[in-house]
């Protein structure tokens, strides 16, 4: 498995409600994406940044998804051209509520 974390610096003066609008509007776009296992949104306590955390079946799936169109749409959504991507290998996921561990074989 592969994890990608995108961090976006949002425009000054945004409040929590301002940030929830694009989250709620874009969340359905991530349903049924090939290779995507799970996606999370996060809002920083100071409201100055947001993160999108993706868990993929493979890095190749992630790289195929994050294309130029995605880049432009995401920069527009968060009104921020400044974004950073971090990639991580994800050898195991603990599903605590389901009492199970998912690991790569």
PDB file of N, CA and C in Angstrom:
ATOM      1  N   UNK A   1       0.839  -1.176   0.000  1.00  0.00           N
ATOM      2  CA  UNK A   1       0.000   0.000   0.000  1.00  0.00           C
ATOM      3  C   UNK A   1       0.886   1.242   0.000  1.00  0.00           C
ATOM      4  N   UNK A   2       0.284   2.339  -0.397  1.00  0.00           N
ATOM      5  CA  UNK A   2       1.030   3.582  -0.529  1.00  0.00           C
ATOM      6  C   UNK A   2       0.168   4.737   0.003  1.00  0.00           C
ATOM      7  N   UNK A   3       0.801   5.642   0.739  1.00  0.00           N
ATOM      8  CA  UNK A   3       0.096   6.783   1.305  1.00  0.00           C
ATOM      9  C   UNK A   3       0.654   8.070   0.710  1.00  0.00           C
ATOM     10  N   UNK A   4      -0.252   8.983   0.371  1.00  0.00           N
ATOM     11  CA  UNK A   4       0.129  10.316  -0.094  1.00  0.00           C
ATOM     12  C   UNK A   4      -0.575  11.332   0.784  1.00  0.00           C
ATOM     13  N   UNK A   5       0.190  12.293   1.266  1.00  0.00           N
ATOM     14  CA  UNK A   5      -0.371  13.381   2.061  1.00  0.00           C
ATOM     15  C   UNK A   5      -0.093  14.692   1.329  1.00  0.00           C
ATOM     16  N   UNK A   6      -1.158  15.392   1.003  1.00  0.00           N
ATOM     17  CA  UNK A   6      -1.053  16.714   0.394  1.00  0.00           C
ATOM     18  C   UNK A   6      -1.389  17.754   1.458  1.00  0.00           C
ATOM     19  N   UNK A   7      -0.579  18.795   1.550  1.00  0.00           N
ATOM     20  CA  UNK A   7      -0.848  19.896   2.479  1.00  0.00           C
ATOM     21  C   UNK A   7      -1.039  21.170   1.662  1.00  0.00           C
ATOM     22  N   UNK A   8      -2.104  21.909   1.994  1.00  0.00           N
ATOM     23  CA  UNK A   8      -2.452  23.132   1.283  1.00  0.00           C
ATOM     24  C   UNK A   8      -2.497  24.291   2.264  1.00  0.00           C
ATOM     25  N   UNK A   9      -1.848  25.377   1.908  1.00  0.00           N
ATOM     26  CA  UNK A   9      -1.936  26.610   2.688  1.00  0.00           C
ATOM     27  C   UNK A   9      -3.145  27.364   2.145  1.00  0.00           C
ATOM     28  N   UNK A  10      -4.129  27.651   2.990  1.00  0.00           N
ATOM     29  CA  UNK A  10      -5.350  28.303   2.526  1.00  0.00           C
ATOM     30  C   UNK A  10      -5.287  29.803   2.752  1.00  0.00           C
ATOM     31  N   UNK A  11      -6.148  30.512   2.045  1.00  0.00           N
ATOM     32  CA  UNK A  11      -6.158  31.973   2.114  1.00  0.00           C
ATOM     33  C   UNK A  11      -6.425  32.453   3.534  1.00  0.00           C
ATOM     34  N   UNK A  12      -5.807  33.551   3.879  1.00  0.00           N
ATOM     35  CA  UNK A  12      -5.986  34.179   5.188  1.00  0.00           C
ATOM     36  C   UNK A  12      -7.453  34.524   5.407  1.00  0.00           C
ATOM     37  N   UNK A  13      -7.915  34.365   6.629  1.00  0.00           N
ATOM     38  CA  UNK A  13      -9.266  34.772   6.980  1.00  0.00           C
ATOM     39  C   UNK A  13     -10.327  33.694   6.823  1.00  0.00           C
ATOM     40  N   UNK A  14      -9.953  32.509   6.393  1.00  0.00           N
ATOM     41  CA  UNK A  14     -10.933  31.431   6.245  1.00  0.00           C
ATOM     42  C   UNK A  14     -11.317  30.893   7.621  1.00  0.00           C
ATOM     43  N   UNK A  15     -12.582  30.546   7.764  1.00  0.00           N
ATOM     44  CA  UNK A  15     -13.027  29.925   9.004  1.00  0.00           C
ATOM     45  C   UNK A  15     -13.383  28.462   8.719  1.00  0.00           C
ATOM     46  N   UNK A  16     -13.768  27.738   9.737  1.00  0.00           N
ATOM     47  CA  UNK A  16     -14.052  26.311   9.590  1.00  0.00           C
ATOM     48  C   UNK A  16     -15.144  26.058   8.556  1.00  0.00           C
ATOM     49  N   UNK A  17     -16.194  26.837   8.599  1.00  0.00           N
ATOM     50  CA  UNK A  17     -17.290  26.663   7.646  1.00  0.00           C
ATOM     51  C   UNK A  17     -16.811  26.886   6.208  1.00  0.00           C
ATOM     52  N   UNK A  18     -15.953  27.881   6.003  1.00  0.00           N
ATOM     53  CA  UNK A  18     -15.397  28.124   4.670  1.00  0.00           C
ATOM     54  C   UNK A  18     -14.657  26.894   4.156  1.00  0.00           C
ATOM     55  N   UNK A  19     -13.967  26.197   5.039  1.00  0.00           N
ATOM     56  CA  UNK A  19     -13.194  25.020   4.642  1.00  0.00           C
ATOM     57  C   UNK A  19     -14.077  23.790   4.449  1.00  0.00           C
ATOM     58  N   UNK A  20     -15.170  23.705   5.174  1.00  0.00           N
ATOM     59  CA  UNK A  20     -16.068  22.561   5.022  1.00  0.00           C
ATOM     60  C   UNK A  20     -16.803  22.564   3.686  1.00  0.00           C
ATOM     61  N   UNK A  21     -17.030  23.724   3.106  1.00  0.00           N
ATOM     62  CA  UNK A  21     -17.747  23.803   1.829  1.00  0.00           C
ATOM     63  C   UNK A  21     -17.014  23.032   0.727  1.00  0.00           C
ATOM     64  N   UNK A  22     -15.712  23.283   0.468  1.00  0.00           N
ATOM     65  CA  UNK A  22     -15.045  22.497  -0.573  1.00  0.00           C
ATOM     66  C   UNK A  22     -14.859  21.027  -0.187  1.00  0.00           C
ATOM     67  N   UNK A  23     -14.733  20.753   1.102  1.00  0.00           N
ATOM     68  CA  UNK A  23     -14.606  19.350   1.522  1.00  0.00           C
ATOM     69  C   UNK A  23     -15.881  18.595   1.176  1.00  0.00           C
ATOM     70  N   UNK A  24     -17.013  19.128   1.587  1.00  0.00           N
ATOM     71  CA  UNK A  24     -18.289  18.453   1.307  1.00  0.00           C
ATOM     72  C   UNK A  24     -18.580  18.404  -0.184  1.00  0.00           C
ATOM     73  N   UNK A  25     -18.159  19.427  -0.900  1.00  0.00           N
ATOM     74  CA  UNK A  25     -18.403  19.460  -2.341  1.00  0.00           C
ATOM     75  C   UNK A  25     -17.556  18.486  -3.126  1.00  0.00           C
ATOM     76  N   UNK A  26     -16.343  18.234  -2.666  1.00  0.00           N
ATOM     77  CA  UNK A  26     -15.434  17.371  -3.432  1.00  0.00           C
ATOM     78  C   UNK A  26     -15.410  15.920  -2.950  1.00  0.00           C
ATOM     79  N   UNK A  27     -15.854  15.652  -1.737  1.00  0.00           N
ATOM     80  CA  UNK A  27     -15.778  14.290  -1.196  1.00  0.00           C
ATOM     81  C   UNK A  27     -16.399  13.239  -2.119  1.00  0.00           C
ATOM     82  N   UNK A  28     -17.565  13.472  -2.719  1.00  0.00           N
ATOM     83  CA  UNK A  28     -18.134  12.444  -3.601  1.00  0.00           C
ATOM     84  C   UNK A  28     -17.261  12.123  -4.820  1.00  0.00           C
ATOM     85  N   UNK A  29     -16.411  13.054  -5.217  1.00  0.00           N
ATOM     86  CA  UNK A  29     -15.527  12.820  -6.377  1.00  0.00           C
ATOM     87  C   UNK A  29     -14.527  11.696  -6.130  1.00  0.00           C
ATOM     88  N   UNK A  30     -14.311  11.332  -4.875  1.00  0.00           N
ATOM     89  CA  UNK A  30     -13.316  10.319  -4.546  1.00  0.00           C
ATOM     90  C   UNK A  30     -13.921   8.937  -4.344  1.00  0.00           C
ATOM     91  N   UNK A  31     -15.202   8.815  -4.532  1.00  0.00           N
ATOM     92  CA  UNK A  31     -15.842   7.508  -4.435  1.00  0.00           C
ATOM     93  C   UNK A  31     -15.608   6.744  -5.735  1.00  0.00           C
ATOM     94  N   UNK A  32     -15.184   5.497  -5.612  1.00  0.00           N
ATOM     95  CA  UNK A  32     -15.010   4.651  -6.782  1.00  0.00           C
ATOM     96  C   UNK A  32     -13.760   4.920  -7.613  1.00  0.00           C
ATOM     97  N   UNK A  33     -12.792   5.637  -7.073  1.00  0.00           N
ATOM     98  CA  UNK A  33     -11.545   5.898  -7.806  1.00  0.00           C
ATOM     99  C   UNK A  33     -10.717   4.614  -7.828  1.00  0.00           C
ATOM    100  N   UNK A  34     -10.319   4.148  -9.007  1.00  0.00           N
ATOM    101  CA  UNK A  34      -9.521   2.916  -9.093  1.00  0.00           C
ATOM    102  C   UNK A  34      -8.222   3.011  -8.290  1.00  0.00           C
ATOM    103  N   UNK A  35      -7.985   2.029  -7.447  1.00  0.00           N
ATOM    104  CA  UNK A  35      -6.766   1.965  -6.652  1.00  0.00           C
ATOM    105  C   UNK A  35      -6.811   2.720  -5.342  1.00  0.00           C
ATOM    106  N   UNK A  36      -7.802   3.592  -5.148  1.00  0.00           N
ATOM    107  CA  UNK A  36      -7.905   4.370  -3.910  1.00  0.00           C
ATOM    108  C   UNK A  36      -8.640   3.546  -2.864  1.00  0.00           C
ATOM    109  N   UNK A  37      -7.989   3.336  -1.726  1.00  0.00           N
ATOM    110  CA  UNK A  37      -8.587   2.572  -0.633  1.00  0.00           C
ATOM    111  C   UNK A  37      -9.392   3.483   0.284  1.00  0.00           C
ATOM    112  N   UNK A  38      -8.780   4.597   0.669  1.00  0.00           N
ATOM    113  CA  UNK A  38      -9.408   5.499   1.638  1.00  0.00           C
ATOM    114  C   UNK A  38      -8.801   6.882   1.474  1.00  0.00           C
ATOM    115  N   UNK A  39      -9.596   7.905   1.809  1.00  0.00           N
ATOM    116  CA  UNK A  39      -9.127   9.288   1.735  1.00  0.00           C
ATOM    117  C   UNK A  39      -9.682  10.051   2.930  1.00  0.00           C
ATOM    118  N   UNK A  40      -8.831  10.863   3.549  1.00  0.00           N
ATOM    119  CA  UNK A  40      -9.229  11.688   4.692  1.00  0.00           C
ATOM    120  C   UNK A  40      -8.935  13.152   4.387  1.00  0.00           C
ATOM    121  N   UNK A  41      -9.753  14.030   4.960  1.00  0.00           N
ATOM    122  CA  UNK A  41      -9.470  15.460   4.972  1.00  0.00           C
ATOM    123  C   UNK A  41      -9.093  15.840   6.399  1.00  0.00           C
ATOM    124  N   UNK A  42      -8.216  16.827   6.539  1.00  0.00           N
ATOM    125  CA  UNK A  42      -7.877  17.339   7.858  1.00  0.00           C
ATOM    126  C   UNK A  42      -7.777  18.852   7.824  1.00  0.00           C
ATOM    127  N   UNK A  43      -8.242  19.491   8.884  1.00  0.00           N
ATOM    128  CA  UNK A  43      -8.183  20.948   9.018  1.00  0.00           C
ATOM    129  C   UNK A  43      -7.286  21.269  10.211  1.00  0.00           C
ATOM    130  N   UNK A  44      -6.302  22.138   9.998  1.00  0.00           N
ATOM    131  CA  UNK A  44      -5.413  22.544  11.090  1.00  0.00           C
ATOM    132  C   UNK A  44      -6.190  23.388  12.105  1.00  0.00           C
ATOM    133  N   UNK A  45      -5.809  23.315  13.383  1.00  0.00           N
ATOM    134  CA  UNK A  45      -6.515  24.092  14.413  1.00  0.00           C
ATOM    135  C   UNK A  45      -6.537  25.594  14.131  1.00  0.00           C
ATOM    136  N   UNK A  46      -5.499  26.119  13.460  1.00  0.00           N
ATOM    137  CA  UNK A  46      -5.447  27.556  13.166  1.00  0.00           C
ATOM    138  C   UNK A  46      -6.152  27.931  11.866  1.00  0.00           C
ATOM    139  N   UNK A  47      -6.717  26.954  11.168  1.00  0.00           N
ATOM    140  CA  UNK A  47      -7.457  27.145   9.910  1.00  0.00           C
ATOM    141  C   UNK A  47      -6.582  27.663   8.767  1.00  0.00           C
ATOM    142  N   UNK A  48      -5.264  27.603   8.922  1.00  0.00           N
ATOM    143  CA  UNK A  48      -4.375  28.117   7.886  1.00  0.00           C
ATOM    144  C   UNK A  48      -3.955  27.059   6.875  1.00  0.00           C
ATOM    145  N   UNK A  49      -4.251  25.803   7.172  1.00  0.00           N
ATOM    146  CA  UNK A  49      -3.900  24.750   6.232  1.00  0.00           C
ATOM    147  C   UNK A  49      -4.869  23.579   6.351  1.00  0.00           C
ATOM    148  N   UNK A  50      -4.926  22.828   5.270  1.00  0.00           N
ATOM    149  CA  UNK A  50      -5.709  21.593   5.245  1.00  0.00           C
ATOM    150  C   UNK A  50      -4.818  20.507   4.663  1.00  0.00           C
ATOM    151  N   UNK A  51      -5.162  19.271   4.968  1.00  0.00           N
ATOM    152  CA  UNK A  51      -4.461  18.140   4.373  1.00  0.00           C
ATOM    153  C   UNK A  51      -5.486  17.204   3.755  1.00  0.00           C
ATOM    154  N   UNK A  52      -5.027  16.503   2.732  1.00  0.00           N
ATOM    155  CA  UNK A  52      -5.765  15.400   2.156  1.00  0.00           C
ATOM    156  C   UNK A  52      -4.845  14.197   2.262  1.00  0.00           C
ATOM    157  N   UNK A  53      -5.306  13.149   2.915  1.00  0.00           N
ATOM    158  CA  UNK A  53      -4.508  11.950   3.156  1.00  0.00           C
ATOM    159  C   UNK A  53      -5.151  10.810   2.366  1.00  0.00           C
ATOM    160  N   UNK A  54      -4.372  10.224   1.481  1.00  0.00           N
ATOM    161  CA  UNK A  54      -4.863   9.168   0.596  1.00  0.00           C
ATOM    162  C   UNK A  54      -4.133   7.868   0.889  1.00  0.00           C
ATOM    163  N   UNK A  55      -4.862   6.770   0.959  1.00  0.00           N
ATOM    164  CA  UNK A  55      -4.277   5.441   1.053  1.00  0.00           C
ATOM    165  C   UNK A  55      -4.605   4.721  -0.254  1.00  0.00           C
ATOM    166  N   UNK A  56      -3.551   4.329  -0.974  1.00  0.00           N
ATOM    167  CA  UNK A  56      -3.669   3.718  -2.299  1.00  0.00           C
ATOM    168  C   UNK A  56      -3.210   2.266  -2.274  1.00  0.00           C
ATOM    169  N   UNK A  57      -3.651   1.497  -3.243  1.00  0.00           N
ATOM    170  CA  UNK A  57      -3.151   0.138  -3.407  1.00  0.00           C
ATOM    171  C   UNK A  57      -1.688   0.157  -3.820  1.00  0.00           C
ATOM    172  N   UNK A  58      -1.291   1.167  -4.621  1.00  0.00           N
ATOM    173  CA  UNK A  58       0.102   1.255  -5.073  1.00  0.00           C
ATOM    174  C   UNK A  58       0.472   2.701  -5.386  1.00  0.00           C
ATOM    175  N   UNK A  59       1.761   2.973  -5.431  1.00  0.00           N
ATOM    176  CA  UNK A  59       2.253   4.293  -5.819  1.00  0.00           C
ATOM    177  C   UNK A  59       1.872   4.592  -7.261  1.00  0.00           C
ATOM    178  N   UNK A  60       1.887   3.578  -8.106  1.00  0.00           N
ATOM    179  CA  UNK A  60       1.508   3.777  -9.518  1.00  0.00           C
ATOM    180  C   UNK A  60       0.068   4.284  -9.625  1.00  0.00           C
ATOM    181  N   UNK A  61      -0.842   3.748  -8.803  1.00  0.00           N
ATOM    182  CA  UNK A  61      -2.227   4.230  -8.801  1.00  0.00           C
ATOM    183  C   UNK A  61      -2.283   5.701  -8.411  1.00  0.00           C
ATOM    184  N   UNK A  62      -1.521   6.070  -7.392  1.00  0.00           N
ATOM    185  CA  UNK A  62      -1.494   7.464  -6.940  1.00  0.00           C
ATOM    186  C   UNK A  62      -0.937   8.371  -8.025  1.00  0.00           C
ATOM    187  N   UNK A  63       0.180   7.979  -8.606  1.00  0.00           N
ATOM    188  CA  UNK A  63       0.811   8.809  -9.634  1.00  0.00           C
ATOM    189  C   UNK A  63      -0.097   9.001 -10.847  1.00  0.00           C
ATOM    190  N   UNK A  64      -0.849   7.991 -11.181  1.00  0.00           N
ATOM    191  CA  UNK A  64      -1.766   8.095 -12.322  1.00  0.00           C
ATOM    192  C   UNK A  64      -2.904   9.069 -12.009  1.00  0.00           C
ATOM    193  N   UNK A  65      -3.374   9.070 -10.781  1.00  0.00           N
ATOM    194  CA  UNK A  65      -4.496   9.928 -10.394  1.00  0.00           C
ATOM    195  C   UNK A  65      -4.102  11.399 -10.292  1.00  0.00           C
ATOM    196  N   UNK A  66      -2.931  11.674  -9.705  1.00  0.00           N
ATOM    197  CA  UNK A  66      -2.513  13.051  -9.454  1.00  0.00           C
ATOM    198  C   UNK A  66      -1.888  13.650 -10.711  1.00  0.00           C
ATOM    199  N   UNK A  67      -2.724  14.006 -11.663  1.00  0.00           N
ATOM    200  CA  UNK A  67      -2.246  14.553 -12.931  1.00  0.00           C
ATOM    201  C   UNK A  67      -2.402  16.076 -12.952  1.00  0.00           C
ATOM    202  N   UNK A  68      -2.146  16.680 -14.087  1.00  0.00           N
ATOM    203  CA  UNK A  68      -2.216  18.137 -14.222  1.00  0.00           C
ATOM    204  C   UNK A  68      -3.636  18.648 -13.960  1.00  0.00           C
ATOM    205  N   UNK A  69      -4.640  17.928 -14.418  1.00  0.00           N
ATOM    206  CA  UNK A  69      -6.026  18.351 -14.177  1.00  0.00           C
ATOM    207  C   UNK A  69      -6.343  18.361 -12.683  1.00  0.00           C
ATOM    208  N   UNK A  70      -5.902  17.317 -11.985  1.00  0.00           N
ATOM    209  CA  UNK A  70      -6.124  17.249 -10.535  1.00  0.00           C
ATOM    210  C   UNK A  70      -5.441  18.436  -9.866  1.00  0.00           C
ATOM    211  N   UNK A  71      -4.220  18.715 -10.280  1.00  0.00           N
ATOM    212  CA  UNK A  71      -3.433  19.819  -9.728  1.00  0.00           C
ATOM    213  C   UNK A  71      -4.196  21.141  -9.836  1.00  0.00           C
ATOM    214  N   UNK A  72      -4.694  21.442 -11.013  1.00  0.00           N
ATOM    215  CA  UNK A  72      -5.402  22.701 -11.236  1.00  0.00           C
ATOM    216  C   UNK A  72      -6.698  22.790 -10.463  1.00  0.00           C
ATOM    217  N   UNK A  73      -7.471  21.714 -10.466  1.00  0.00           N
ATOM    218  CA  UNK A  73      -8.750  21.695  -9.747  1.00  0.00           C
ATOM    219  C   UNK A  73      -8.525  21.841  -8.243  1.00  0.00           C
ATOM    220  N   UNK A  74      -7.520  21.183  -7.733  1.00  0.00           N
ATOM    221  CA  UNK A  74      -7.261  21.228  -6.296  1.00  0.00           C
ATOM    222  C   UNK A  74      -6.754  22.599  -5.875  1.00  0.00           C
ATOM    223  N   UNK A  75      -5.884  23.199  -6.666  1.00  0.00           N
ATOM    224  CA  UNK A  75      -5.404  24.556  -6.361  1.00  0.00           C
ATOM    225  C   UNK A  75      -6.575  25.544  -6.371  1.00  0.00           C
ATOM    226  N   UNK A  76      -7.499  25.364  -7.306  1.00  0.00           N
ATOM    227  CA  UNK A  76      -8.676  26.232  -7.370  1.00  0.00           C
ATOM    228  C   UNK A  76      -9.576  26.008  -6.148  1.00  0.00           C
ATOM    229  N   UNK A  77      -9.805  24.749  -5.796  1.00  0.00           N
ATOM    230  CA  UNK A  77     -10.690  24.422  -4.676  1.00  0.00           C
ATOM    231  C   UNK A  77     -10.180  25.047  -3.372  1.00  0.00           C
ATOM    232  N   UNK A  78      -8.901  24.924  -3.120  1.00  0.00           N
ATOM    233  CA  UNK A  78      -8.345  25.458  -1.870  1.00  0.00           C
ATOM    234  C   UNK A  78      -7.827  26.882  -2.018  1.00  0.00           C
ATOM    235  N   UNK A  79      -7.975  27.455  -3.209  1.00  0.00           N
ATOM    236  CA  UNK A  79      -7.508  28.815  -3.478  1.00  0.00           C
ATOM    237  C   UNK A  79      -6.057  28.959  -3.062  1.00  0.00           C
ATOM    238  N   UNK A  80      -5.268  27.944  -3.408  1.00  0.00           N
ATOM    239  CA  UNK A  80      -3.882  27.903  -2.973  1.00  0.00           C
ATOM    240  C   UNK A  80      -3.015  27.175  -3.986  1.00  0.00           C
ATOM    241  N   UNK A  81      -2.120  27.879  -4.652  1.00  0.00           N
ATOM    242  CA  UNK A  81      -1.201  27.169  -5.535  1.00  0.00           C
ATOM    243  C   UNK A  81      -0.062  26.500  -4.762  1.00  0.00           C
ATOM    244  N   UNK A  82       0.098  26.881  -3.483  1.00  0.00           N
ATOM    245  CA  UNK A  82       1.171  26.292  -2.676  1.00  0.00           C
ATOM    246  C   UNK A  82       0.674  25.014  -2.036  1.00  0.00           C
ATOM    247  N   UNK A  83       1.174  23.896  -2.547  1.00  0.00           N
ATOM    248  CA  UNK A  83       0.809  22.624  -1.950  1.00  0.00           C
ATOM    249  C   UNK A  83       2.024  21.724  -1.964  1.00  0.00           C
ATOM    250  N   UNK A  84       2.096  20.879  -0.959  1.00  0.00           N
ATOM    251  CA  UNK A  84       3.227  19.966  -0.874  1.00  0.00           C
ATOM    252  C   UNK A  84       2.713  18.537  -0.809  1.00  0.00           C
ATOM    253  N   UNK A  85       3.468  17.643  -1.462  1.00  0.00           N
ATOM    254  CA  UNK A  85       3.119  16.217  -1.480  1.00  0.00           C
ATOM    255  C   UNK A  85       4.203  15.438  -0.754  1.00  0.00           C
ATOM    256  N   UNK A  86       3.748  14.536   0.120  1.00  0.00           N
ATOM    257  CA  UNK A  86       4.659  13.604   0.769  1.00  0.00           C
ATOM    258  C   UNK A  86       4.152  12.193   0.482  1.00  0.00           C
ATOM    259  N   UNK A  87       5.078  11.316   0.117  1.00  0.00           N
ATOM    260  CA  UNK A  87       4.751   9.925  -0.172  1.00  0.00           C
ATOM    261  C   UNK A  87       5.351   9.026   0.902  1.00  0.00           C
ATOM    262  N   UNK A  88       4.606   7.986   1.262  1.00  0.00           N
ATOM    263  CA  UNK A  88       5.050   7.032   2.261  1.00  0.00           C
ATOM    264  C   UNK A  88       4.644   5.629   1.839  1.00  0.00           C
ATOM    265  N   UNK A  89       5.491   4.668   2.120  1.00  0.00           N
ATOM    266  CA  UNK A  89       5.096   3.271   2.019  1.00  0.00           C
ATOM    267  C   UNK A  89       4.189   2.995   3.216  1.00  0.00           C
ATOM    268  N   UNK A  90       3.117   2.244   2.988  1.00  0.00           N
ATOM    269  CA  UNK A  90       2.193   1.902   4.070  1.00  0.00           C
ATOM    270  C   UNK A  90       2.114   0.381   4.180  1.00  0.00           C
ATOM    271  N   UNK A  91       3.033  -0.233   4.921  1.00  0.00           N
ATOM    272  CA  UNK A  91       3.086  -1.690   4.982  1.00  0.00           C
ATOM    273  C   UNK A  91       1.971  -2.329   5.813  1.00  0.00           C
ATOM    274  N   UNK A  92       1.288  -1.528   6.642  1.00  0.00           N
ATOM    275  CA  UNK A  92       0.205  -2.081   7.461  1.00  0.00           C
ATOM    276  C   UNK A  92      -0.784  -0.985   7.830  1.00  0.00           C
ATOM    277  N   UNK A  93      -2.041  -1.383   7.959  1.00  0.00           N
ATOM    278  CA  UNK A  93      -3.104  -0.492   8.415  1.00  0.00           C
ATOM    279  C   UNK A  93      -3.833  -1.211   9.538  1.00  0.00           C
ATOM    280  N   UNK A  94      -4.002  -0.543  10.663  1.00  0.00           N
ATOM    281  CA  UNK A  94      -4.734  -1.121  11.782  1.00  0.00           C
ATOM    282  C   UNK A  94      -6.159  -0.573  11.741  1.00  0.00           C
ATOM    283  N   UNK A  95      -7.115  -1.472  11.591  1.00  0.00           N
ATOM    284  CA  UNK A  95      -8.544  -1.117  11.620  1.00  0.00           C
ATOM    285  C   UNK A  95      -9.032  -1.418  13.032  1.00  0.00           C
ATOM    286  N   UNK A  96      -8.823  -0.482  13.930  1.00  0.00           N
ATOM    287  CA  UNK A  96      -9.073  -0.706  15.357  1.00  0.00           C
ATOM    288  C   UNK A  96     -10.520  -1.088  15.658  1.00  0.00           C
ATOM    289  N   UNK A  97     -11.468  -0.343  15.110  1.00  0.00           N
ATOM    290  CA  UNK A  97     -12.875  -0.635  15.390  1.00  0.00           C
ATOM    291  C   UNK A  97     -13.305  -1.994  14.852  1.00  0.00           C
ATOM    292  N   UNK A  98     -12.649  -2.438  13.776  1.00  0.00           N
ATOM    293  CA  UNK A  98     -12.966  -3.739  13.195  1.00  0.00           C
ATOM    294  C   UNK A  98     -12.096  -4.845  13.775  1.00  0.00           C
ATOM    295  N   UNK A  99     -11.176  -4.451  14.669  1.00  0.00           N
ATOM    296  CA  UNK A  99     -10.277  -5.402  15.317  1.00  0.00           C
ATOM    297  C   UNK A  99      -9.496  -6.249  14.303  1.00  0.00           C
ATOM    298  N   UNK A 100      -8.910  -5.547  13.293  1.00  0.00           N
ATOM    299  CA  UNK A 100      -8.134  -6.288  12.289  1.00  0.00           C
ATOM    300  C   UNK A 100      -6.956  -5.439  11.825  1.00  0.00           C
ATOM    301  N   UNK A 101      -5.978  -6.143  11.281  1.00  0.00           N
ATOM    302  CA  UNK A 101      -4.795  -5.513  10.697  1.00  0.00           C
ATOM    303  C   UNK A 101      -4.731  -5.925   9.245  1.00  0.00           C
ATOM    304  N   UNK A 102      -4.556  -4.938   8.373  1.00  0.00           N
ATOM    305  CA  UNK A 102      -4.395  -5.189   6.944  1.00  0.00           C
ATOM    306  C   UNK A 102      -2.934  -4.908   6.641  1.00  0.00           C
ATOM    307  N   UNK A 103      -2.243  -5.878   6.058  1.00  0.00           N
ATOM    308  CA  UNK A 103      -0.844  -5.648   5.725  1.00  0.00           C
ATOM    309  C   UNK A 103      -0.558  -6.146   4.324  1.00  0.00           C
ATOM    310  N   UNK A 104       0.486  -5.546   3.744  1.00  0.00           N
ATOM    311  CA  UNK A 104       0.919  -5.999   2.424  1.00  0.00           C
ATOM    312  C   UNK A 104       1.521  -7.375   2.537  1.00  0.00           C
ATOM    313  N   UNK A 105       1.416  -8.108   1.480  1.00  0.00           N
ATOM    314  CA  UNK A 105       1.947  -9.466   1.494  1.00  0.00           C
ATOM    315  C   UNK A 105       3.250  -9.554   0.765  1.00  0.00           C
TER     316      UNK A 105
END
